[in-house]
Protein backbone atom coordinates (compact mmCIF):
# COMPACT_ATOMS: atom_id res chain seq x y z
CA MET A 1 102.21 194.16 138.01
CA ARG A 2 101.97 193.55 134.51
CA LYS A 3 101.70 189.76 135.59
CA LYS A 4 99.00 190.39 137.78
CA ILE A 5 97.31 192.83 135.35
CA LEU A 6 97.49 189.98 133.08
CA VAL A 7 95.77 186.87 135.79
CA ILE A 8 93.02 189.57 135.96
CA SER A 9 92.75 190.03 132.39
CA ILE A 10 92.80 185.86 132.23
CA VAL A 11 90.16 185.73 135.35
CA ILE A 12 87.56 187.81 133.43
CA PHE A 13 88.17 186.76 130.06
CA ILE A 14 87.72 183.33 131.82
CA ILE A 15 84.02 184.50 133.63
CA VAL A 16 82.99 186.43 130.33
CA GLY A 17 83.26 183.01 128.08
CA LEU A 18 81.34 181.28 131.04
CA ILE A 19 78.36 183.95 130.81
CA ALA A 20 78.28 183.58 127.14
CA LEU A 21 78.23 179.79 127.47
CA TYR A 22 75.45 179.98 130.08
CA LEU A 23 73.39 182.30 127.76
CA VAL A 24 73.55 180.32 124.25
CA LEU A 25 72.53 177.32 126.58
CA ASN A 26 69.55 178.90 127.94
CA LYS A 27 68.42 180.71 124.70
CA GLY A 28 69.62 184.29 126.27
CA HIS A 29 67.91 183.82 129.84
CA ILE A 30 69.12 184.12 133.33
CA GLY A 31 66.51 182.98 135.48
CA ASN A 32 63.12 184.55 134.09
CA PHE A 33 65.01 187.59 132.61
CA GLY A 34 65.87 187.40 129.10
CA LEU A 35 68.97 189.00 128.22
CA VAL A 36 69.54 187.72 124.81
CA ASN A 37 66.81 186.69 122.21
CA ILE A 38 68.62 183.80 120.50
CA GLU A 39 65.78 182.70 117.98
CA ASN A 40 65.66 179.28 117.21
CA GLU A 41 66.09 178.53 113.51
CA ASN A 42 63.50 175.63 113.91
CA SER A 43 60.61 178.44 115.33
CA LYS A 44 60.83 180.47 112.06
CA GLU A 45 59.17 177.38 110.00
CA GLU A 46 55.63 177.90 109.53
CA THR A 47 53.25 175.15 110.56
CA ILE A 48 51.65 173.76 106.87
CA LEU A 49 48.64 172.54 107.68
CA PRO A 50 46.80 169.63 105.24
CA LYS A 51 44.83 170.87 102.17
CA LEU A 52 41.20 169.68 102.17
CA THR A 53 39.51 170.38 98.84
CA LEU A 54 35.93 170.14 98.19
CA GLU A 55 34.73 168.67 94.72
CA LEU A 56 31.24 168.91 93.69
CA GLU A 57 29.41 166.45 90.23
CA ASN A 58 28.08 170.11 89.34
CA GLU A 59 28.12 173.52 90.03
CA PHE A 60 23.90 173.67 88.86
CA LEU A 61 21.22 172.06 90.55
CA SER A 62 17.38 172.30 88.74
CA SER A 63 14.85 173.13 91.10
CA ALA A 64 12.39 171.84 88.55
CA ASN A 65 13.85 168.64 89.29
CA LYS A 66 13.20 167.67 93.17
CA LYS A 67 14.29 164.04 92.18
CA GLU A 68 18.10 165.37 90.90
CA THR A 69 21.73 165.63 93.36
CA VAL A 70 24.96 166.58 93.20
CA GLY A 71 27.56 164.64 94.62
CA MET A 72 30.47 165.82 97.01
CA THR A 73 34.10 164.62 96.78
CA VAL A 74 36.31 165.43 100.07
CA SER A 75 40.06 165.05 99.32
CA ILE A 76 43.20 165.92 101.81
CA ASP A 77 46.39 166.49 99.93
CA GLY A 78 44.46 164.39 96.96
CA GLU A 79 43.70 161.72 99.12
CA ILE A 80 40.21 161.12 98.96
CA VAL A 81 38.15 161.14 102.59
CA THR A 82 34.87 159.30 103.22
CA GLU A 83 34.52 158.75 107.13
CA ASN A 84 34.64 161.78 109.59
CA ILE A 85 33.35 164.53 107.77
CA GLU A 86 30.75 167.88 108.57
CA PHE A 87 28.79 169.41 105.68
CA GLU A 88 26.87 172.53 105.91
CA SER A 89 24.70 174.53 103.37
CA SER A 90 25.28 178.51 104.01
CA ASP A 91 21.35 178.37 102.91
CA GLU A 92 18.71 175.65 103.51
CA LYS A 93 16.47 177.23 101.96
CA ILE A 94 17.89 177.18 98.58
CA VAL A 95 20.07 173.77 99.13
CA LYS A 96 19.85 171.06 101.46
CA ILE A 97 22.09 168.07 102.29
CA ASN A 98 20.50 164.75 102.66
CA LYS A 99 20.97 161.40 104.62
CA ASP A 100 23.66 160.50 101.96
CA ASN A 101 25.85 163.66 101.73
CA LYS A 102 24.20 164.72 98.51
CA LEU A 103 23.18 168.04 97.54
CA VAL A 104 19.01 168.82 96.73
CA ALA A 105 17.50 171.81 95.73
CA VAL A 106 14.57 173.66 97.63
CA ALA A 107 14.58 177.16 94.86
CA ASP A 108 16.59 179.31 92.96
CA GLY A 109 19.18 180.83 94.12
CA LYS A 110 23.04 180.53 95.33
CA ALA A 111 25.03 178.59 98.39
CA THR A 112 27.68 177.77 99.83
CA ILE A 113 28.42 174.34 100.96
CA THR A 114 31.17 173.91 103.70
CA ALA A 115 33.10 170.46 104.38
CA ARG A 116 35.17 170.39 107.64
CA TYR A 117 37.68 167.78 108.86
CA ASP A 118 39.78 167.31 111.30
CA GLY A 119 39.79 171.28 112.20
CA ILE A 120 40.20 172.26 108.71
CA GLU A 121 37.51 172.95 106.28
CA ALA A 122 36.74 174.06 102.71
CA THR A 123 34.05 175.41 100.76
CA LYS A 124 32.43 175.49 97.27
CA ASP A 125 29.40 177.71 95.62
CA ILE A 126 26.67 175.68 93.98
CA LYS A 127 23.87 177.45 92.17
CA VAL A 128 19.89 176.25 91.94
CA ILE A 129 18.71 177.69 88.73
CA THR A 130 15.28 177.19 86.24
CA PRO A 131 17.05 175.11 83.40
CA ILE A 132 17.07 176.31 80.21
CA LYS A 133 14.89 174.40 77.64
CA THR A 134 15.19 175.40 74.32
CA MET A 135 17.25 178.57 73.07
CA SER A 136 17.99 179.68 69.53
CA PHE A 137 19.69 182.91 68.19
CA THR A 138 16.69 185.45 66.03
CA THR A 139 19.35 185.78 63.47
CA THR A 140 21.27 183.21 61.56
CA ASN A 141 23.42 185.32 59.95
CA SER A 142 24.81 189.37 60.61
CA THR A 143 27.18 192.00 59.57
CA ILE A 144 28.83 194.32 61.50
CA ARG A 145 31.71 196.76 60.66
CA VAL A 146 35.01 196.76 62.44
CA GLY A 147 34.98 198.76 65.50
CA LYS A 148 31.04 198.31 66.25
CA ASP A 149 29.11 196.13 68.82
CA LEU A 150 26.40 194.25 68.61
CA GLN A 151 23.93 192.19 70.75
CA MET A 152 23.50 189.05 70.36
CA LYS A 153 19.76 188.12 70.68
CA LEU A 154 19.20 184.59 72.10
CA GLN A 155 15.33 183.70 72.91
CA ILE A 156 14.94 180.91 75.38
CA THR A 157 12.34 178.52 77.26
CA PRO A 158 11.30 179.29 79.55
CA SER A 159 11.54 183.03 79.74
CA LYS A 160 12.39 182.49 83.65
CA ALA A 161 15.39 180.17 83.19
CA SER A 162 18.60 181.17 84.39
CA THR A 163 21.58 182.45 81.74
CA ASP A 164 23.95 181.96 84.98
CA THR A 165 24.70 178.82 82.41
CA LEU A 166 25.53 180.32 79.42
CA LYS A 167 28.78 180.57 78.05
CA TYR A 168 29.41 183.18 74.53
CA THR A 169 32.90 182.17 72.72
CA SER A 170 34.04 183.69 69.01
CA SER A 171 35.77 180.94 66.68
CA ASP A 172 38.38 183.92 66.00
CA GLU A 173 39.15 186.75 68.29
CA SER A 174 41.54 188.52 66.10
CA ILE A 175 38.38 189.11 63.93
CA ALA A 176 35.81 189.62 66.14
CA THR A 177 35.48 189.04 70.73
CA VAL A 178 31.99 188.25 72.52
CA ASN A 179 31.94 188.68 76.23
CA GLN A 180 29.36 187.05 78.40
CA ASN A 181 26.45 189.23 77.58
CA GLY A 182 26.16 188.39 74.26
CA ILE A 183 27.79 191.60 72.75
CA VAL A 184 30.09 191.20 69.93
CA THR A 185 32.86 193.37 68.73
CA GLY A 186 34.22 193.78 65.67
CA ILE A 187 37.70 193.44 65.31
CA ALA A 188 39.22 193.01 61.83
CA PRO A 189 37.21 191.94 58.51
CA GLY A 190 36.48 188.58 57.97
CA LYS A 191 33.96 185.73 59.00
CA VAL A 192 33.50 184.31 62.58
CA LYS A 193 31.41 182.02 64.24
CA ILE A 194 29.74 183.01 67.84
CA THR A 195 28.45 180.29 69.62
CA VAL A 196 26.82 179.45 73.58
CA TYR A 197 27.20 177.12 75.17
CA ASP A 198 24.65 175.79 78.21
CA ALA A 199 26.86 173.91 80.93
CA TYR A 200 23.46 172.48 82.49
CA ASN A 201 22.62 171.06 79.22
CA ASP A 202 25.54 170.72 77.58
CA THR A 203 24.25 172.15 74.60
CA GLU A 204 24.85 174.86 71.95
CA LYS A 205 23.74 177.25 69.13
CA SER A 206 25.91 179.21 66.91
CA VAL A 207 25.58 181.75 64.56
CA ASN A 208 27.83 183.17 61.48
CA LEU A 209 28.61 186.71 61.47
CA THR A 210 30.68 188.86 58.84
CA ILE A 211 33.04 191.44 59.72
CA ARG A 212 33.71 194.84 57.31
CA LYS A 213 35.20 197.84 57.07
């Protein structure tokens, strides 16, 4: 009796083993039925798509100079590509793309440029502006107290020129800080230089300030 039970146990063990082996080889399926979910480790790996990058020669275009153009460079994983690229402007009433794939200003405003290559795309914004011709601070020296604010007054011509190209900086932020609206805040007693830089014309103007208690 014991010998018979042992034989039956061995047979069952073999059958179970064969079923388990079958499931492993067939990824948990018997026919069209999935009994066990056996994940393939490779299926967990995410497909890494190539990275497409669009760079512009300048982030600004002048609406006053219709002959001015901005070139574009497209690269995929760091390698520059020049063929089979499709370019598109989000607003051709602001920026158009000429036959040489260069950007041409139409009117003041902002547009998004899209480059498409081999099923992937990249975007970049560009602004069409009325450039600043001249700029100057209305004061060349001033004093403010610690904890107080001072609005820097900048005169620009023409009056409708864009101020999007301007960036304010402080020579010592431990003495005074300045935000991008030209508001200076006194931090500690001392002397500091506030500079405004025009990214389009590559010009700057500065003013000296004294911070007192």
